Amino acid sequence: MLANNIKTYRKSKGITQEEMARDIEISRSALSRIETGSYSPSAKTMGKISNYFKVPIGEIFFNPDVLYNNTNSHFE
């Protein structure tokens, strides 16, 4: 669920892996592995992703609806 939530939200905002990876200070290949589920992000990286999307970490894991309906999004 986590991998799909991150990927779907990033794509829905028209953000490339390169852009997001740069903004959260990880490699594009690391982000790709996170989005495919082949790599579990560290707590530090999850914090960066959470801050980037402006949602609590738990919401990224367990409640994908908040990603799609978040009115306080980083991108608005």
N, C-alpha and C. Protein backbone atom coordinates (compact mmCIF):
# COMPACT_ATOMS: atom_id res chain seq x y z
N MET A 1 0.82 -1.19 0.00
CA MET A 1 0.00 0.00 0.00
C MET A 1 0.87 1.26 0.00
N LEU A 2 1.90 1.31 0.83
CA LEU A 2 2.76 2.49 0.91
C LEU A 2 3.34 2.84 -0.44
N ALA A 3 3.94 1.87 -1.12
CA ALA A 3 4.59 2.13 -2.41
C ALA A 3 3.59 2.72 -3.39
N ASN A 4 2.43 2.10 -3.49
CA ASN A 4 1.41 2.56 -4.43
C ASN A 4 0.89 3.95 -4.05
N ASN A 5 0.70 4.20 -2.77
CA ASN A 5 0.21 5.52 -2.34
C ASN A 5 1.18 6.62 -2.74
N ILE A 6 2.45 6.41 -2.49
CA ILE A 6 3.46 7.43 -2.82
C ILE A 6 3.50 7.66 -4.33
N LYS A 7 3.57 6.60 -5.08
CA LYS A 7 3.66 6.71 -6.54
C LYS A 7 2.42 7.37 -7.13
N THR A 8 1.25 6.93 -6.71
CA THR A 8 0.01 7.47 -7.24
C THR A 8 -0.12 8.96 -6.93
N TYR A 9 0.19 9.35 -5.72
CA TYR A 9 0.08 10.76 -5.35
C TYR A 9 1.08 11.61 -6.12
N ARG A 10 2.31 11.13 -6.22
CA ARG A 10 3.34 11.87 -6.96
C ARG A 10 2.90 12.08 -8.39
N LYS A 11 2.43 11.02 -9.02
CA LYS A 11 2.00 11.11 -10.42
C LYS A 11 0.78 12.02 -10.58
N SER A 12 -0.14 11.95 -9.63
CA SER A 12 -1.35 12.77 -9.74
C SER A 12 -1.03 14.26 -9.70
N LYS A 13 0.11 14.60 -9.11
CA LYS A 13 0.53 15.99 -9.03
C LYS A 13 1.47 16.38 -10.17
N GLY A 14 1.76 15.42 -11.06
CA GLY A 14 2.61 15.72 -12.21
C GLY A 14 4.08 15.90 -11.84
N ILE A 15 4.51 15.25 -10.79
CA ILE A 15 5.89 15.39 -10.32
C ILE A 15 6.69 14.18 -10.79
N THR A 16 7.85 14.40 -11.32
CA THR A 16 8.70 13.30 -11.75
C THR A 16 9.44 12.71 -10.54
N GLN A 17 9.91 11.49 -10.71
CA GLN A 17 10.73 10.89 -9.66
C GLN A 17 11.96 11.75 -9.41
N GLU A 18 12.54 12.26 -10.47
CA GLU A 18 13.75 13.09 -10.35
C GLU A 18 13.49 14.32 -9.48
N GLU A 19 12.38 14.99 -9.73
CA GLU A 19 12.03 16.18 -8.95
C GLU A 19 11.82 15.86 -7.48
N MET A 20 11.02 14.83 -7.22
CA MET A 20 10.72 14.49 -5.84
C MET A 20 11.97 14.02 -5.11
N ALA A 21 12.75 13.17 -5.77
CA ALA A 21 13.98 12.67 -5.16
C ALA A 21 14.91 13.82 -4.79
N ARG A 22 15.05 14.77 -5.69
CA ARG A 22 15.90 15.94 -5.42
C ARG A 22 15.37 16.71 -4.21
N ASP A 23 14.06 16.92 -4.18
CA ASP A 23 13.46 17.73 -3.11
C ASP A 23 13.56 17.06 -1.74
N ILE A 24 13.51 15.72 -1.70
CA ILE A 24 13.60 15.05 -0.41
C ILE A 24 15.01 14.50 -0.15
N GLU A 25 15.92 14.83 -1.05
CA GLU A 25 17.35 14.52 -0.89
C GLU A 25 17.66 13.03 -0.81
N ILE A 26 17.07 12.28 -1.78
CA ILE A 26 17.46 10.89 -1.96
C ILE A 26 17.71 10.70 -3.46
N SER A 27 18.29 9.58 -3.82
CA SER A 27 18.53 9.33 -5.25
C SER A 27 17.22 8.94 -5.94
N ARG A 28 17.17 9.18 -7.23
CA ARG A 28 15.99 8.79 -8.00
C ARG A 28 15.82 7.28 -7.95
N SER A 29 16.93 6.55 -7.99
CA SER A 29 16.82 5.09 -7.95
C SER A 29 16.27 4.61 -6.60
N ALA A 30 16.61 5.29 -5.52
CA ALA A 30 16.05 4.93 -4.21
C ALA A 30 14.54 5.17 -4.20
N LEU A 31 14.11 6.29 -4.75
CA LEU A 31 12.67 6.58 -4.82
C LEU A 31 11.97 5.54 -5.69
N SER A 32 12.57 5.18 -6.79
CA SER A 32 12.00 4.16 -7.66
C SER A 32 11.82 2.84 -6.91
N ARG A 33 12.82 2.44 -6.14
CA ARG A 33 12.73 1.20 -5.37
C ARG A 33 11.65 1.30 -4.28
N ILE A 34 11.50 2.47 -3.68
CA ILE A 34 10.44 2.68 -2.69
C ILE A 34 9.07 2.52 -3.36
N GLU A 35 8.92 3.13 -4.53
CA GLU A 35 7.63 3.11 -5.23
C GLU A 35 7.27 1.73 -5.78
N THR A 36 8.25 0.89 -6.02
CA THR A 36 7.96 -0.46 -6.50
C THR A 36 7.83 -1.45 -5.35
N GLY A 37 8.13 -1.00 -4.15
CA GLY A 37 8.02 -1.85 -2.99
C GLY A 37 9.22 -2.75 -2.76
N SER A 38 10.28 -2.56 -3.53
CA SER A 38 11.46 -3.40 -3.37
C SER A 38 12.42 -2.87 -2.31
N TYR A 39 12.09 -1.71 -1.75
CA TYR A 39 12.94 -1.10 -0.73
C TYR A 39 12.03 -0.40 0.28
N SER A 40 12.29 -0.62 1.54
CA SER A 40 11.52 0.06 2.59
C SER A 40 12.28 1.30 3.03
N PRO A 41 11.63 2.46 2.97
CA PRO A 41 12.32 3.70 3.34
C PRO A 41 12.62 3.74 4.84
N SER A 42 13.69 4.42 5.17
CA SER A 42 14.03 4.63 6.58
C SER A 42 13.02 5.58 7.21
N ALA A 43 13.04 5.63 8.53
CA ALA A 43 12.17 6.56 9.24
C ALA A 43 12.47 8.00 8.81
N LYS A 44 13.73 8.30 8.61
CA LYS A 44 14.12 9.65 8.18
C LYS A 44 13.53 9.98 6.80
N THR A 45 13.63 9.04 5.88
CA THR A 45 13.07 9.25 4.54
C THR A 45 11.55 9.35 4.60
N MET A 46 10.91 8.52 5.41
CA MET A 46 9.46 8.62 5.55
C MET A 46 9.07 10.00 6.09
N GLY A 47 9.85 10.51 7.01
CA GLY A 47 9.59 11.86 7.52
C GLY A 47 9.68 12.90 6.42
N LYS A 48 10.66 12.74 5.55
CA LYS A 48 10.81 13.69 4.44
C LYS A 48 9.64 13.59 3.46
N ILE A 49 9.20 12.36 3.18
CA ILE A 49 8.06 12.17 2.29
C ILE A 49 6.80 12.76 2.92
N SER A 50 6.60 12.51 4.18
CA SER A 50 5.46 13.05 4.91
C SER A 50 5.46 14.58 4.86
N ASN A 51 6.59 15.18 5.12
CA ASN A 51 6.70 16.64 5.06
C ASN A 51 6.47 17.15 3.65
N TYR A 52 6.98 16.45 2.67
CA TYR A 52 6.84 16.85 1.28
C TYR A 52 5.38 16.92 0.86
N PHE A 53 4.62 15.90 1.25
CA PHE A 53 3.20 15.86 0.91
C PHE A 53 2.32 16.55 1.95
N LYS A 54 2.92 16.97 3.06
CA LYS A 54 2.21 17.66 4.13
C LYS A 54 1.05 16.83 4.71
N VAL A 55 1.36 15.56 4.96
CA VAL A 55 0.41 14.66 5.61
C VAL A 55 1.16 13.84 6.66
N PRO A 56 0.48 13.38 7.70
CA PRO A 56 1.12 12.53 8.69
C PRO A 56 1.61 11.22 8.07
N ILE A 57 2.70 10.70 8.59
CA ILE A 57 3.26 9.45 8.07
C ILE A 57 2.21 8.34 8.06
N GLY A 58 1.46 8.22 9.13
CA GLY A 58 0.45 7.17 9.21
C GLY A 58 -0.58 7.24 8.11
N GLU A 59 -0.89 8.43 7.68
CA GLU A 59 -1.87 8.60 6.61
C GLU A 59 -1.33 8.05 5.29
N ILE A 60 -0.04 8.18 5.06
CA ILE A 60 0.55 7.65 3.83
C ILE A 60 0.46 6.12 3.83
N PHE A 61 0.66 5.52 5.01
CA PHE A 61 0.60 4.07 5.11
C PHE A 61 -0.81 3.53 5.04
N PHE A 62 -1.73 4.14 5.78
CA PHE A 62 -3.00 3.51 6.05
C PHE A 62 -4.23 4.16 5.44
N ASN A 63 -4.13 5.39 4.98
CA ASN A 63 -5.32 6.09 4.52
C ASN A 63 -5.02 6.83 3.22
N PRO A 64 -5.06 6.13 2.10
CA PRO A 64 -4.73 6.79 0.83
C PRO A 64 -5.69 7.92 0.47
N ASP A 65 -6.91 7.89 1.00
CA ASP A 65 -7.86 8.95 0.67
C ASP A 65 -7.36 10.32 1.08
N VAL A 66 -6.62 10.41 2.18
CA VAL A 66 -6.13 11.71 2.62
C VAL A 66 -5.16 12.30 1.61
N LEU A 67 -4.43 11.45 0.91
CA LEU A 67 -3.49 11.95 -0.09
C LEU A 67 -4.22 12.62 -1.24
N TYR A 68 -5.33 12.05 -1.63
CA TYR A 68 -6.05 12.56 -2.78
C TYR A 68 -6.99 13.71 -2.44
N ASN A 69 -7.32 13.85 -1.16
CA ASN A 69 -8.26 14.88 -0.74
C ASN A 69 -7.62 15.93 0.17
N ASN A 70 -6.32 15.91 0.30
CA ASN A 70 -5.63 16.82 1.22
C ASN A 70 -5.69 18.25 0.72
N THR A 71 -6.34 19.11 1.48
CA THR A 71 -6.46 20.51 1.06
C THR A 71 -5.25 21.34 1.45
N ASN A 72 -4.36 20.80 2.28
CA ASN A 72 -3.16 21.52 2.67
C ASN A 72 -1.94 20.99 1.94
N SER A 73 -2.13 20.54 0.74
CA SER A 73 -1.07 19.91 -0.02
C SER A 73 0.08 20.85 -0.32
N HIS A 74 1.25 20.29 -0.39
CA HIS A 74 2.49 21.01 -0.77
C HIS A 74 2.35 21.65 -2.14
N PHE A 75 1.42 21.15 -2.94
CA PHE A 75 1.36 21.54 -4.34
C PHE A 75 0.22 22.49 -4.66
N GLU A 76 -0.51 22.92 -3.69
CA GLU A 76 -1.64 23.81 -3.99
C GLU A 76 -1.26 25.25 -3.75
